[in-house]
Amino acid sequence: MRNIEPLCSHGCRLRIAARQTPGRCAPGDIGAECERGSLLCPLTVCYDEAGLRLPAIERVEAAEVPEPYHRLLVHARDMTSTLETFHGDGIHLRVLRHGERDGVYHREVVLTLNRTGTPVELGAILIDLRLLPEAARELVRGAERPLGGILHECGVKFHSQPKAYIRVESDETTTQHFHLKRPCGLFGRCNVLQDAEERVLADIVEILPPAGSGAVE
């Protein structure tokens, strides 16, 4: 199993291995340079807050991501619009946990379809509110809509830049919120949203439910 060992934007290195106790990436320390640069930092923040261990996570190459996950993950678009197009329905948030410290907002959410309530993604995100206009900041804090839709509505130009693709062993959190009957492997990606000046607006870990679950066909 390959560890995720990213080099952060400040030149320091943080290793988060599969089944390793999360490196103390607590909400109060979000601003720390090596922690904010970690690919898994958004998920680590939320799991630490809940007192949980990270599930087993393996980094995979884009070519190793099977369909239908490949078309949903391997691209430079935001996941909100990608999932809405794929499912032909709007998406809303179910917030599991959230918080804010020093202008950085974090939350763990399940994205669900408007019509059926079917879960289509488990996401963990760090959002730098200091880089957003006031209207966007208030909508983010309202915790009712995905970030991609908020940025589009508020006229914030941005693009996605996937940093890694991952295979995640289902754990108690994903089993519960994806309504899984048995353990299985899940696919996702570590992504960042950048503005027109290449500043990082958000760090995101996005995990999809398994094919055949009713959410991915």
N, C-alpha and C. Protein backbone atom coordinates (compact mmCIF):
# COMPACT_ATOMS: atom_id res chain seq x y z
N MET A 1 0.85 -1.19 0.00
CA MET A 1 0.00 0.00 0.00
C MET A 1 0.88 1.24 0.00
N ARG A 2 0.59 2.18 -0.87
CA ARG A 2 1.40 3.38 -0.98
C ARG A 2 0.93 4.47 -0.03
N ASN A 3 1.86 5.01 0.72
CA ASN A 3 1.53 6.12 1.61
C ASN A 3 1.28 7.38 0.80
N ILE A 4 0.53 8.30 1.39
CA ILE A 4 0.40 9.63 0.81
C ILE A 4 1.40 10.51 1.54
N GLU A 5 2.42 10.96 0.82
CA GLU A 5 3.50 11.73 1.44
C GLU A 5 3.75 12.97 0.60
N PRO A 6 2.88 13.98 0.71
CA PRO A 6 2.97 15.14 -0.17
C PRO A 6 3.99 16.16 0.29
N LEU A 7 4.51 16.89 -0.65
CA LEU A 7 5.34 18.04 -0.33
C LEU A 7 4.43 19.25 -0.33
N CYS A 8 4.38 19.96 0.79
CA CYS A 8 3.44 21.07 0.89
C CYS A 8 4.02 22.31 0.23
N SER A 9 3.19 23.32 0.11
CA SER A 9 3.58 24.54 -0.61
C SER A 9 4.69 25.30 0.09
N HIS A 10 4.92 24.99 1.38
CA HIS A 10 5.96 25.68 2.12
C HIS A 10 7.26 24.90 2.18
N GLY A 11 7.30 23.73 1.50
CA GLY A 11 8.53 22.98 1.41
C GLY A 11 8.75 21.97 2.51
N CYS A 12 7.81 21.85 3.47
CA CYS A 12 7.98 20.84 4.52
C CYS A 12 7.14 19.62 4.16
N ARG A 13 7.37 18.52 4.87
CA ARG A 13 6.77 17.24 4.48
C ARG A 13 6.01 16.63 5.66
N LEU A 14 4.84 16.07 5.34
CA LEU A 14 4.03 15.41 6.36
C LEU A 14 3.58 14.07 5.83
N ARG A 15 3.87 13.01 6.54
CA ARG A 15 3.45 11.68 6.12
C ARG A 15 2.21 11.26 6.87
N ILE A 16 1.20 10.84 6.12
CA ILE A 16 0.01 10.24 6.74
C ILE A 16 -0.15 8.87 6.10
N ALA A 17 0.23 7.82 6.80
CA ALA A 17 0.18 6.47 6.26
C ALA A 17 -1.17 5.84 6.56
N ALA A 18 -1.51 4.85 5.78
CA ALA A 18 -2.74 4.12 6.03
C ALA A 18 -2.71 3.51 7.42
N ARG A 19 -3.82 3.65 8.16
CA ARG A 19 -4.00 3.12 9.50
C ARG A 19 -3.12 3.81 10.55
N GLN A 20 -2.43 4.85 10.16
CA GLN A 20 -1.62 5.57 11.14
C GLN A 20 -2.50 6.51 11.94
N THR A 21 -2.18 6.70 13.22
CA THR A 21 -2.92 7.67 14.01
C THR A 21 -2.77 9.04 13.36
N PRO A 22 -3.87 9.77 13.16
CA PRO A 22 -3.78 11.05 12.47
C PRO A 22 -2.76 11.98 13.11
N GLY A 23 -1.97 12.65 12.26
CA GLY A 23 -1.04 13.66 12.75
C GLY A 23 -1.83 14.85 13.25
N ARG A 24 -1.50 15.35 14.38
CA ARG A 24 -2.33 16.30 15.09
C ARG A 24 -2.70 17.50 14.25
N CYS A 25 -3.59 17.30 13.33
CA CYS A 25 -4.02 18.37 12.43
C CYS A 25 -5.36 18.89 12.94
N ALA A 26 -5.36 19.43 14.14
CA ALA A 26 -6.59 19.85 14.79
C ALA A 26 -7.08 21.18 14.23
N PRO A 27 -8.40 21.46 14.32
CA PRO A 27 -8.94 22.70 13.79
C PRO A 27 -8.21 23.94 14.26
N GLY A 28 -7.77 23.95 15.52
CA GLY A 28 -7.07 25.11 16.03
C GLY A 28 -5.71 25.32 15.42
N ASP A 29 -5.19 24.31 14.72
CA ASP A 29 -3.86 24.38 14.13
C ASP A 29 -3.90 24.41 12.61
N ILE A 30 -5.06 24.70 12.04
CA ILE A 30 -5.22 24.64 10.59
C ILE A 30 -4.21 25.52 9.88
N GLY A 31 -3.85 26.62 10.48
CA GLY A 31 -2.93 27.53 9.82
C GLY A 31 -1.50 27.04 9.76
N ALA A 32 -1.15 25.98 10.48
CA ALA A 32 0.22 25.48 10.47
C ALA A 32 0.59 25.06 9.06
N GLU A 33 1.78 25.45 8.61
CA GLU A 33 2.11 25.32 7.20
C GLU A 33 2.13 23.89 6.71
N CYS A 34 2.74 22.95 7.45
CA CYS A 34 2.83 21.60 6.92
C CYS A 34 1.47 20.93 6.95
N GLU A 35 0.65 21.25 7.97
CA GLU A 35 -0.64 20.61 8.08
C GLU A 35 -1.58 21.07 6.97
N ARG A 36 -1.60 22.35 6.68
CA ARG A 36 -2.50 22.84 5.63
C ARG A 36 -2.08 22.31 4.27
N GLY A 37 -0.78 21.94 4.11
CA GLY A 37 -0.32 21.44 2.83
C GLY A 37 -0.54 19.96 2.63
N SER A 38 -0.97 19.24 3.65
CA SER A 38 -1.16 17.81 3.53
C SER A 38 -2.37 17.49 2.68
N LEU A 39 -2.23 16.49 1.81
CA LEU A 39 -3.34 16.12 0.94
C LEU A 39 -4.56 15.66 1.72
N LEU A 40 -4.33 14.98 2.83
CA LEU A 40 -5.44 14.43 3.61
C LEU A 40 -5.88 15.34 4.75
N CYS A 41 -5.33 16.53 4.83
CA CYS A 41 -5.61 17.41 5.97
C CYS A 41 -7.10 17.64 6.21
N PRO A 42 -7.92 17.92 5.20
CA PRO A 42 -9.34 18.15 5.49
C PRO A 42 -10.00 16.96 6.19
N LEU A 43 -9.68 15.76 5.72
CA LEU A 43 -10.27 14.57 6.33
C LEU A 43 -9.72 14.34 7.72
N THR A 44 -8.41 14.59 7.91
CA THR A 44 -7.78 14.42 9.21
C THR A 44 -8.39 15.36 10.24
N VAL A 45 -8.63 16.61 9.86
CA VAL A 45 -9.24 17.59 10.76
C VAL A 45 -10.58 17.07 11.26
N CYS A 46 -11.42 16.61 10.34
CA CYS A 46 -12.77 16.18 10.72
C CYS A 46 -12.75 14.89 11.53
N TYR A 47 -11.89 13.95 11.17
CA TYR A 47 -11.80 12.71 11.93
C TYR A 47 -11.22 12.96 13.32
N ASP A 48 -10.22 13.82 13.41
CA ASP A 48 -9.67 14.16 14.72
C ASP A 48 -10.74 14.77 15.62
N GLU A 49 -11.54 15.65 15.05
CA GLU A 49 -12.58 16.32 15.83
C GLU A 49 -13.59 15.32 16.37
N ALA A 50 -13.84 14.25 15.60
CA ALA A 50 -14.79 13.24 16.02
C ALA A 50 -14.14 12.14 16.86
N GLY A 51 -12.81 12.23 17.06
CA GLY A 51 -12.11 11.21 17.83
C GLY A 51 -11.96 9.89 17.09
N LEU A 52 -11.90 9.96 15.76
CA LEU A 52 -11.83 8.75 14.93
C LEU A 52 -10.46 8.62 14.27
N ARG A 53 -10.11 7.38 13.92
CA ARG A 53 -8.91 7.13 13.15
C ARG A 53 -9.25 7.17 11.67
N LEU A 54 -8.29 7.63 10.87
CA LEU A 54 -8.49 7.59 9.44
C LEU A 54 -8.63 6.15 8.96
N PRO A 55 -9.46 5.93 7.94
CA PRO A 55 -9.52 4.59 7.34
C PRO A 55 -8.24 4.31 6.56
N ALA A 56 -8.07 3.08 6.11
CA ALA A 56 -6.94 2.75 5.24
C ALA A 56 -7.11 3.47 3.91
N ILE A 57 -6.09 4.20 3.50
CA ILE A 57 -6.16 4.99 2.28
C ILE A 57 -4.92 4.71 1.43
N GLU A 58 -5.14 4.40 0.17
CA GLU A 58 -4.06 4.11 -0.76
C GLU A 58 -4.11 5.09 -1.92
N ARG A 59 -2.97 5.63 -2.28
CA ARG A 59 -2.89 6.50 -3.44
C ARG A 59 -2.84 5.66 -4.71
N VAL A 60 -3.64 6.03 -5.71
CA VAL A 60 -3.66 5.32 -6.99
C VAL A 60 -3.45 6.31 -8.12
N GLU A 61 -2.99 5.82 -9.24
CA GLU A 61 -2.82 6.66 -10.42
C GLU A 61 -4.17 6.86 -11.11
N ALA A 62 -4.28 7.92 -11.88
CA ALA A 62 -5.54 8.21 -12.58
C ALA A 62 -5.98 7.04 -13.44
N ALA A 63 -5.01 6.39 -14.10
CA ALA A 63 -5.33 5.27 -14.98
C ALA A 63 -5.86 4.07 -14.22
N GLU A 64 -5.63 4.02 -12.91
CA GLU A 64 -6.09 2.90 -12.09
C GLU A 64 -7.49 3.10 -11.53
N VAL A 65 -8.05 4.28 -11.74
CA VAL A 65 -9.40 4.55 -11.25
C VAL A 65 -10.39 3.98 -12.25
N PRO A 66 -11.20 2.99 -11.86
CA PRO A 66 -12.12 2.35 -12.81
C PRO A 66 -13.36 3.20 -13.07
N GLU A 67 -14.06 2.89 -14.14
CA GLU A 67 -15.36 3.49 -14.38
C GLU A 67 -16.38 2.87 -13.42
N PRO A 68 -17.41 3.62 -13.03
CA PRO A 68 -17.74 4.98 -13.49
C PRO A 68 -17.03 6.08 -12.70
N TYR A 69 -16.18 5.68 -11.75
CA TYR A 69 -15.51 6.68 -10.92
C TYR A 69 -14.57 7.56 -11.73
N HIS A 70 -13.95 6.98 -12.77
CA HIS A 70 -12.97 7.73 -13.55
C HIS A 70 -13.56 9.00 -14.13
N ARG A 71 -14.74 8.88 -14.73
CA ARG A 71 -15.35 10.07 -15.37
C ARG A 71 -15.86 11.07 -14.33
N LEU A 72 -16.10 10.60 -13.11
CA LEU A 72 -16.57 11.50 -12.06
C LEU A 72 -15.43 12.16 -11.29
N LEU A 73 -14.24 11.58 -11.33
CA LEU A 73 -13.13 12.08 -10.52
C LEU A 73 -11.98 12.66 -11.32
N VAL A 74 -11.68 12.06 -12.47
CA VAL A 74 -10.47 12.44 -13.21
C VAL A 74 -10.80 13.56 -14.21
N HIS A 75 -10.79 14.78 -13.69
CA HIS A 75 -11.09 15.97 -14.49
C HIS A 75 -10.71 17.19 -13.66
N ALA A 76 -10.78 18.35 -14.27
CA ALA A 76 -10.41 19.59 -13.57
C ALA A 76 -11.63 20.46 -13.29
N ARG A 77 -12.81 19.83 -13.15
CA ARG A 77 -14.02 20.57 -12.82
C ARG A 77 -14.33 20.40 -11.34
N ASP A 78 -15.23 21.24 -10.82
CA ASP A 78 -15.65 21.05 -9.43
C ASP A 78 -16.64 19.89 -9.37
N MET A 79 -16.69 19.23 -8.23
CA MET A 79 -17.51 18.03 -8.11
C MET A 79 -19.00 18.34 -8.05
N THR A 80 -19.37 19.51 -7.54
CA THR A 80 -20.79 19.85 -7.45
C THR A 80 -21.44 19.79 -8.83
N SER A 81 -20.91 20.55 -9.78
CA SER A 81 -21.51 20.58 -11.11
C SER A 81 -21.35 19.24 -11.82
N THR A 82 -20.24 18.55 -11.58
CA THR A 82 -20.02 17.24 -12.21
C THR A 82 -21.07 16.23 -11.76
N LEU A 83 -21.32 16.18 -10.46
CA LEU A 83 -22.30 15.23 -9.93
C LEU A 83 -23.73 15.62 -10.33
N GLU A 84 -24.03 16.91 -10.35
CA GLU A 84 -25.37 17.35 -10.75
C GLU A 84 -25.64 16.98 -12.21
N THR A 85 -24.65 17.15 -13.06
CA THR A 85 -24.81 16.78 -14.47
C THR A 85 -24.97 15.28 -14.62
N PHE A 86 -24.15 14.52 -13.91
CA PHE A 86 -24.19 13.06 -14.02
C PHE A 86 -25.52 12.49 -13.55
N HIS A 87 -26.04 13.02 -12.45
CA HIS A 87 -27.27 12.48 -11.86
C HIS A 87 -28.53 13.19 -12.35
N GLY A 88 -28.38 14.31 -13.05
CA GLY A 88 -29.54 15.03 -13.54
C GLY A 88 -30.40 15.59 -12.43
N ASP A 89 -29.77 16.04 -11.36
CA ASP A 89 -30.52 16.57 -10.21
C ASP A 89 -29.63 17.54 -9.46
N GLY A 90 -30.27 18.44 -8.71
CA GLY A 90 -29.52 19.34 -7.86
C GLY A 90 -29.01 18.62 -6.62
N ILE A 91 -28.09 19.26 -5.93
CA ILE A 91 -27.44 18.65 -4.76
C ILE A 91 -27.53 19.59 -3.57
N HIS A 92 -27.74 19.03 -2.39
CA HIS A 92 -27.69 19.82 -1.17
C HIS A 92 -26.80 19.12 -0.14
N LEU A 93 -26.50 19.83 0.93
CA LEU A 93 -25.57 19.33 1.94
C LEU A 93 -26.31 18.75 3.14
N ARG A 94 -25.71 17.71 3.70
CA ARG A 94 -26.05 17.26 5.05
C ARG A 94 -24.76 17.36 5.84
N VAL A 95 -24.69 18.31 6.75
CA VAL A 95 -23.45 18.60 7.47
C VAL A 95 -23.30 17.65 8.65
N LEU A 96 -22.15 16.98 8.71
CA LEU A 96 -21.86 16.08 9.82
C LEU A 96 -21.17 16.81 10.96
N ARG A 97 -20.21 17.67 10.61
CA ARG A 97 -19.51 18.49 11.62
C ARG A 97 -18.87 19.67 10.91
N HIS A 98 -18.69 20.76 11.66
CA HIS A 98 -18.09 21.94 11.05
C HIS A 98 -17.50 22.82 12.13
N GLY A 99 -16.67 23.78 11.72
CA GLY A 99 -16.07 24.71 12.65
C GLY A 99 -15.28 25.77 11.90
N GLU A 100 -14.80 26.76 12.64
CA GLU A 100 -14.05 27.86 12.02
C GLU A 100 -13.00 28.36 12.99
N ARG A 101 -11.83 28.67 12.48
CA ARG A 101 -10.77 29.22 13.31
C ARG A 101 -9.87 30.10 12.45
N ASP A 102 -9.68 31.34 12.87
CA ASP A 102 -8.75 32.26 12.20
C ASP A 102 -9.02 32.39 10.70
N GLY A 103 -10.30 32.47 10.34
CA GLY A 103 -10.66 32.69 8.95
C GLY A 103 -10.67 31.46 8.08
N VAL A 104 -10.40 30.29 8.66
CA VAL A 104 -10.45 29.03 7.90
C VAL A 104 -11.60 28.19 8.43
N TYR A 105 -12.50 27.82 7.54
CA TYR A 105 -13.71 27.08 7.88
C TYR A 105 -13.52 25.63 7.45
N HIS A 106 -13.90 24.69 8.30
CA HIS A 106 -13.81 23.28 7.94
C HIS A 106 -15.16 22.61 8.16
N ARG A 107 -15.43 21.63 7.33
CA ARG A 107 -16.65 20.86 7.53
C ARG A 107 -16.53 19.51 6.84
N GLU A 108 -17.27 18.55 7.38
CA GLU A 108 -17.44 17.24 6.76
C GLU A 108 -18.91 17.11 6.40
N VAL A 109 -19.19 16.73 5.16
CA VAL A 109 -20.56 16.72 4.68
C VAL A 109 -20.85 15.48 3.84
N VAL A 110 -22.12 15.19 3.72
CA VAL A 110 -22.60 14.24 2.73
C VAL A 110 -23.39 15.04 1.71
N LEU A 111 -23.04 14.91 0.43
CA LEU A 111 -23.82 15.53 -0.64
C LEU A 111 -24.93 14.57 -1.05
N THR A 112 -26.16 15.06 -1.09
CA THR A 112 -27.30 14.22 -1.42
C THR A 112 -28.11 14.85 -2.54
N LEU A 113 -28.79 14.00 -3.31
CA LEU A 113 -29.63 14.49 -4.41
C LEU A 113 -30.91 15.10 -3.85
N ASN A 114 -31.36 16.17 -4.48
CA ASN A 114 -32.54 16.89 -4.00
C ASN A 114 -33.80 16.04 -4.02
N ARG A 115 -34.01 15.28 -5.09
CA ARG A 115 -35.27 14.57 -5.25
C ARG A 115 -35.36 13.32 -4.37
N THR A 116 -34.28 12.57 -4.29
CA THR A 116 -34.34 11.27 -3.62
C THR A 116 -33.61 11.22 -2.29
N GLY A 117 -32.73 12.19 -2.04
CA GLY A 117 -31.93 12.15 -0.83
C GLY A 117 -30.79 11.15 -0.89
N THR A 118 -30.54 10.58 -2.07
CA THR A 118 -29.48 9.59 -2.23
C THR A 118 -28.11 10.23 -2.00
N PRO A 119 -27.25 9.64 -1.17
CA PRO A 119 -25.91 10.19 -0.97
C PRO A 119 -25.03 9.95 -2.19
N VAL A 120 -24.34 10.99 -2.64
CA VAL A 120 -23.49 10.85 -3.83
C VAL A 120 -22.04 11.22 -3.56
N GLU A 121 -21.75 11.71 -2.36
CA GLU A 121 -20.36 12.00 -2.01
C GLU A 121 -20.24 12.24 -0.51
N LEU A 122 -19.13 11.79 0.06
CA LEU A 122 -18.72 12.21 1.39
C LEU A 122 -17.53 13.14 1.19
N GLY A 123 -17.62 14.34 1.72
CA GLY A 123 -16.56 15.32 1.49
C GLY A 123 -16.08 15.96 2.77
N ALA A 124 -14.79 16.25 2.81
CA ALA A 124 -14.19 17.02 3.91
C ALA A 124 -13.45 18.18 3.27
N ILE A 125 -13.61 19.38 3.81
CA ILE A 125 -13.10 20.56 3.13
C ILE A 125 -12.58 21.59 4.12
N LEU A 126 -11.52 22.26 3.74
CA LEU A 126 -11.02 23.46 4.42
C LEU A 126 -11.21 24.62 3.47
N ILE A 127 -11.86 25.67 3.90
CA ILE A 127 -12.16 26.82 3.04
C ILE A 127 -11.53 28.06 3.64
N ASP A 128 -10.73 28.77 2.87
CA ASP A 128 -10.10 30.00 3.33
C ASP A 128 -11.07 31.15 3.10
N LEU A 129 -11.85 31.48 4.12
CA LEU A 129 -12.87 32.51 4.00
C LEU A 129 -12.26 33.89 3.73
N ARG A 130 -11.01 34.07 4.09
CA ARG A 130 -10.36 35.36 3.92
C ARG A 130 -10.20 35.74 2.45
N LEU A 131 -10.29 34.76 1.56
CA LEU A 131 -10.12 35.01 0.14
C LEU A 131 -11.45 35.16 -0.60
N LEU A 132 -12.55 35.06 0.13
CA LEU A 132 -13.88 35.11 -0.49
C LEU A 132 -14.58 36.43 -0.21
N PRO A 133 -15.47 36.87 -1.13
CA PRO A 133 -16.27 38.07 -0.85
C PRO A 133 -17.25 37.78 0.29
N GLU A 134 -17.72 38.82 0.91
CA GLU A 134 -18.58 38.68 2.09
C GLU A 134 -19.80 37.83 1.81
N ALA A 135 -20.44 38.02 0.65
CA ALA A 135 -21.64 37.24 0.33
C ALA A 135 -21.33 35.75 0.31
N ALA A 136 -20.20 35.39 -0.27
CA ALA A 136 -19.81 33.98 -0.33
C ALA A 136 -19.49 33.44 1.06
N ARG A 137 -18.84 34.25 1.89
CA ARG A 137 -18.51 33.81 3.25
C ARG A 137 -19.77 33.46 4.03
N GLU A 138 -20.79 34.32 3.93
CA GLU A 138 -22.02 34.08 4.68
C GLU A 138 -22.75 32.83 4.17
N LEU A 139 -22.71 32.60 2.86
CA LEU A 139 -23.35 31.40 2.32
C LEU A 139 -22.61 30.15 2.76
N VAL A 140 -21.29 30.21 2.82
CA VAL A 140 -20.51 29.07 3.31
C VAL A 140 -20.88 28.77 4.75
N ARG A 141 -20.93 29.80 5.58
CA ARG A 141 -21.26 29.61 7.00
C ARG A 141 -22.70 29.11 7.17
N GLY A 142 -23.56 29.42 6.21
CA GLY A 142 -24.94 28.93 6.28
C GLY A 142 -25.04 27.43 6.14
N ALA A 143 -24.00 26.80 5.56
CA ALA A 143 -23.87 25.34 5.50
C ALA A 143 -25.09 24.65 4.87
N GLU A 144 -25.61 25.26 3.82
CA GLU A 144 -26.75 24.64 3.14
C GLU A 144 -26.42 24.24 1.71
N ARG A 145 -25.34 24.81 1.15
CA ARG A 145 -25.04 24.57 -0.27
C ARG A 145 -23.57 24.23 -0.46
N PRO A 146 -23.27 23.42 -1.49
CA PRO A 146 -21.87 23.10 -1.79
C PRO A 146 -21.10 24.35 -2.20
N LEU A 147 -19.79 24.32 -1.96
CA LEU A 147 -18.96 25.48 -2.24
C LEU A 147 -18.95 25.84 -3.72
N GLY A 148 -18.89 24.84 -4.61
CA GLY A 148 -18.84 25.13 -6.04
C GLY A 148 -19.99 26.01 -6.50
N GLY A 149 -21.20 25.66 -6.07
CA GLY A 149 -22.36 26.45 -6.45
C GLY A 149 -22.31 27.86 -5.89
N ILE A 150 -21.80 28.00 -4.68
CA ILE A 150 -21.68 29.32 -4.07
C ILE A 150 -20.71 30.19 -4.85
N LEU A 151 -19.57 29.62 -5.22
CA LEU A 151 -18.57 30.39 -5.97
C LEU A 151 -19.11 30.83 -7.32
N HIS A 152 -19.83 29.94 -7.99
CA HIS A 152 -20.43 30.30 -9.29
C HIS A 152 -21.42 31.46 -9.10
N GLU A 153 -22.29 31.36 -8.10
CA GLU A 153 -23.32 32.38 -7.87
C GLU A 153 -22.70 33.73 -7.53
N CYS A 154 -21.60 33.71 -6.79
CA CYS A 154 -20.98 34.96 -6.34
C CYS A 154 -19.95 35.50 -7.32
N GLY A 155 -19.84 34.86 -8.46
CA GLY A 155 -18.95 35.36 -9.50
C GLY A 155 -17.47 35.19 -9.20
N VAL A 156 -17.13 34.22 -8.36
CA VAL A 156 -15.73 33.95 -8.04
C VAL A 156 -15.18 32.98 -9.07
N LYS A 157 -14.22 33.41 -9.86
CA LYS A 157 -13.62 32.53 -10.85
C LYS A 157 -12.66 31.57 -10.17
N PHE A 158 -12.78 30.30 -10.50
CA PHE A 158 -11.95 29.30 -9.85
C PHE A 158 -11.79 28.08 -10.77
N HIS A 159 -10.83 27.27 -10.45
CA HIS A 159 -10.66 26.01 -11.15
C HIS A 159 -10.18 24.95 -10.17
N SER A 160 -10.47 23.70 -10.52
CA SER A 160 -10.04 22.57 -9.70
C SER A 160 -8.67 22.10 -10.14
N GLN A 161 -7.91 21.59 -9.19
CA GLN A 161 -6.61 21.02 -9.49
C GLN A 161 -6.42 19.77 -8.63
N PRO A 162 -6.88 18.61 -9.15
CA PRO A 162 -6.70 17.38 -8.39
C PRO A 162 -5.22 17.11 -8.11
N LYS A 163 -4.93 16.73 -6.86
CA LYS A 163 -3.56 16.47 -6.45
C LYS A 163 -3.26 14.98 -6.34
N ALA A 164 -4.30 14.17 -6.09
CA ALA A 164 -4.10 12.73 -5.95
C ALA A 164 -5.44 12.04 -6.06
N TYR A 165 -5.41 10.79 -6.52
CA TYR A 165 -6.58 9.93 -6.53
C TYR A 165 -6.35 8.84 -5.49
N ILE A 166 -7.42 8.45 -4.80
CA ILE A 166 -7.26 7.56 -3.65
C ILE A 166 -8.27 6.42 -3.68
N ARG A 167 -7.87 5.31 -3.08
CA ARG A 167 -8.77 4.20 -2.79
C ARG A 167 -8.88 4.11 -1.28
N VAL A 168 -10.10 4.11 -0.79
CA VAL A 168 -10.37 4.18 0.64
C VAL A 168 -11.13 2.93 1.07
N GLU A 169 -10.64 2.27 2.11
CA GLU A 169 -11.39 1.16 2.68
C GLU A 169 -12.54 1.73 3.50
N SER A 170 -13.75 1.25 3.25
CA SER A 170 -14.90 1.76 3.99
C SER A 170 -14.72 1.55 5.48
N ASP A 171 -15.16 2.54 6.25
CA ASP A 171 -15.08 2.47 7.70
C ASP A 171 -16.46 2.75 8.27
N GLU A 172 -16.53 2.97 9.57
CA GLU A 172 -17.84 3.20 10.20
C GLU A 172 -18.55 4.42 9.62
N THR A 173 -17.79 5.49 9.36
CA THR A 173 -18.40 6.72 8.84
C THR A 173 -18.98 6.50 7.45
N THR A 174 -18.18 5.96 6.53
CA THR A 174 -18.67 5.77 5.15
C THR A 174 -19.75 4.69 5.10
N THR A 175 -19.62 3.66 5.91
CA THR A 175 -20.63 2.60 5.94
C THR A 175 -21.98 3.17 6.36
N GLN A 176 -21.95 4.02 7.37
CA GLN A 176 -23.20 4.60 7.86
C GLN A 176 -23.84 5.54 6.85
N HIS A 177 -23.03 6.44 6.30
CA HIS A 177 -23.62 7.50 5.48
C HIS A 177 -23.86 7.08 4.03
N PHE A 178 -23.19 6.02 3.57
CA PHE A 178 -23.47 5.47 2.24
C PHE A 178 -24.41 4.28 2.33
N HIS A 179 -24.85 3.92 3.53
CA HIS A 179 -25.79 2.82 3.75
C HIS A 179 -25.23 1.50 3.18
N LEU A 180 -23.99 1.20 3.49
CA LEU A 180 -23.33 0.00 2.97
C LEU A 180 -23.71 -1.22 3.80
N LYS A 181 -23.84 -2.36 3.13
CA LYS A 181 -24.17 -3.60 3.82
C LYS A 181 -22.93 -4.38 4.21
N ARG A 182 -21.80 -4.10 3.56
CA ARG A 182 -20.56 -4.82 3.84
C ARG A 182 -19.38 -3.92 3.51
N PRO A 183 -18.22 -4.19 4.08
CA PRO A 183 -17.03 -3.38 3.77
C PRO A 183 -16.68 -3.46 2.29
N CYS A 184 -16.15 -2.38 1.76
CA CYS A 184 -15.78 -2.36 0.36
C CYS A 184 -14.76 -1.25 0.12
N GLY A 185 -14.16 -1.26 -1.07
CA GLY A 185 -13.25 -0.20 -1.46
C GLY A 185 -13.99 0.94 -2.13
N LEU A 186 -13.61 2.15 -1.80
CA LEU A 186 -14.23 3.35 -2.36
C LEU A 186 -13.15 4.16 -3.07
N PHE A 187 -13.57 4.97 -4.04
CA PHE A 187 -12.61 5.81 -4.75
C PHE A 187 -12.92 7.28 -4.52
N GLY A 188 -11.87 8.08 -4.55
CA GLY A 188 -12.03 9.51 -4.34
C GLY A 188 -10.83 10.27 -4.85
N ARG A 189 -10.75 11.52 -4.47
CA ARG A 189 -9.61 12.34 -4.88
C ARG A 189 -9.33 13.41 -3.83
N CYS A 190 -8.08 13.87 -3.82
CA CYS A 190 -7.66 15.03 -3.04
C CYS A 190 -7.55 16.18 -4.02
N ASN A 191 -8.27 17.25 -3.77
CA ASN A 191 -8.43 18.31 -4.75
C ASN A 191 -8.22 19.67 -4.09
N VAL A 192 -7.82 20.64 -4.87
CA VAL A 192 -7.80 22.02 -4.39
C VAL A 192 -8.58 22.88 -5.38
N LEU A 193 -9.22 23.93 -4.86
CA LEU A 193 -9.85 24.94 -5.69
C LEU A 193 -8.98 26.18 -5.62
N GLN A 194 -8.60 26.71 -6.78
CA GLN A 194 -7.76 27.90 -6.84
C GLN A 194 -8.48 29.01 -7.57
N ASP A 195 -8.22 30.26 -7.14
CA ASP A 195 -8.85 31.40 -7.81
C ASP A 195 -8.02 31.84 -9.01
N ALA A 196 -8.40 32.93 -9.62
CA ALA A 196 -7.72 33.40 -10.84
C ALA A 196 -6.28 33.79 -10.59
N GLU A 197 -5.94 34.06 -9.33
CA GLU A 197 -4.57 34.41 -8.97
C GLU A 197 -3.79 33.20 -8.46
N GLU A 198 -4.36 32.00 -8.64
CA GLU A 198 -3.73 30.75 -8.21
C GLU A 198 -3.63 30.61 -6.70
N ARG A 199 -4.42 31.38 -5.96
CA ARG A 199 -4.47 31.23 -4.51
C ARG A 199 -5.42 30.07 -4.17
N VAL A 200 -5.08 29.30 -3.15
CA VAL A 200 -5.89 28.15 -2.77
C VAL A 200 -7.09 28.60 -1.95
N LEU A 201 -8.26 28.45 -2.54
CA LEU A 201 -9.51 28.78 -1.84
C LEU A 201 -9.94 27.65 -0.91
N ALA A 202 -9.69 26.42 -1.34
CA ALA A 202 -10.16 25.28 -0.55
C ALA A 202 -9.32 24.05 -0.83
N ASP A 203 -9.10 23.26 0.22
CA ASP A 203 -8.52 21.92 0.12
C ASP A 203 -9.64 20.94 0.39
N ILE A 204 -9.75 19.90 -0.44
CA ILE A 204 -10.91 19.01 -0.35
C ILE A 204 -10.49 17.56 -0.50
N VAL A 205 -11.11 16.69 0.30
CA VAL A 205 -11.06 15.25 0.06
C VAL A 205 -12.48 14.82 -0.30
N GLU A 206 -12.62 14.20 -1.47
CA GLU A 206 -13.94 13.82 -2.00
C GLU A 206 -13.99 12.32 -2.21
N ILE A 207 -14.95 11.64 -1.58
CA ILE A 207 -15.07 10.19 -1.65
C ILE A 207 -16.45 9.83 -2.18
N LEU A 208 -16.49 8.93 -3.17
CA LEU A 208 -17.75 8.54 -3.80
C LEU A 208 -18.26 7.22 -3.24
N PRO A 209 -19.58 7.01 -3.26
CA PRO A 209 -20.15 5.73 -2.83
C PRO A 209 -19.83 4.65 -3.87
N PRO A 210 -19.97 3.40 -3.50
CA PRO A 210 -19.64 2.32 -4.44
C PRO A 210 -20.64 2.20 -5.57
N ALA A 211 -20.16 1.76 -6.72
CA ALA A 211 -21.05 1.48 -7.85
C ALA A 211 -22.05 0.41 -7.44
N GLY A 212 -23.29 0.57 -7.88
CA GLY A 212 -24.32 -0.40 -7.52
C GLY A 212 -25.03 -0.07 -6.23
N SER A 213 -24.63 1.05 -5.57
CA SER A 213 -25.26 1.44 -4.31
C SER A 213 -26.55 2.22 -4.55
N GLY A 214 -26.80 2.55 -5.83
CA GLY A 214 -27.95 3.39 -6.13
C GLY A 214 -27.52 4.81 -6.38
N ALA A 215 -26.31 5.16 -6.01
CA ALA A 215 -25.80 6.50 -6.21
C ALA A 215 -24.89 6.58 -7.43
N VAL A 216 -24.22 5.48 -7.77
CA VAL A 216 -23.36 5.44 -8.95
C VAL A 216 -23.74 4.20 -9.74
N GLU A 217 -24.07 4.39 -10.99
CA GLU A 217 -24.50 3.27 -11.82
C GLU A 217 -23.70 3.25 -13.13
